[in-house]
Amino acid sequence: MIYGLPIWNWFVFFFIYIPIVILWISVIIDIFSRHDLSGWNKFFWVLFVFILPFFGALIYLAARPPGAREIPA
């Protein structure tokens, strides 16, 4: 039975859990590093990402305008 093997647990941990956590942390960092968002917009995006961690991060990345992290010269 494959579900009881420790190798399956390692697979889930390294290939599913860790990438989701990395995605979530990078989205939170991206929200706080954007200069075009006001304080309330940042608050609502972070709240949205906390409520729906995986889907909130994907929706944020889809709704984020290209070049949003670039600092204007």
Foldseek 3Di string as FASTA:
>chain_A
DPVPDVVVVVCCVPVPVVVLVVLQVVLLVQLVQFPVDDPVRSVVLNVQCVVVVRVSSVVCVVPDDPPRNPDDD
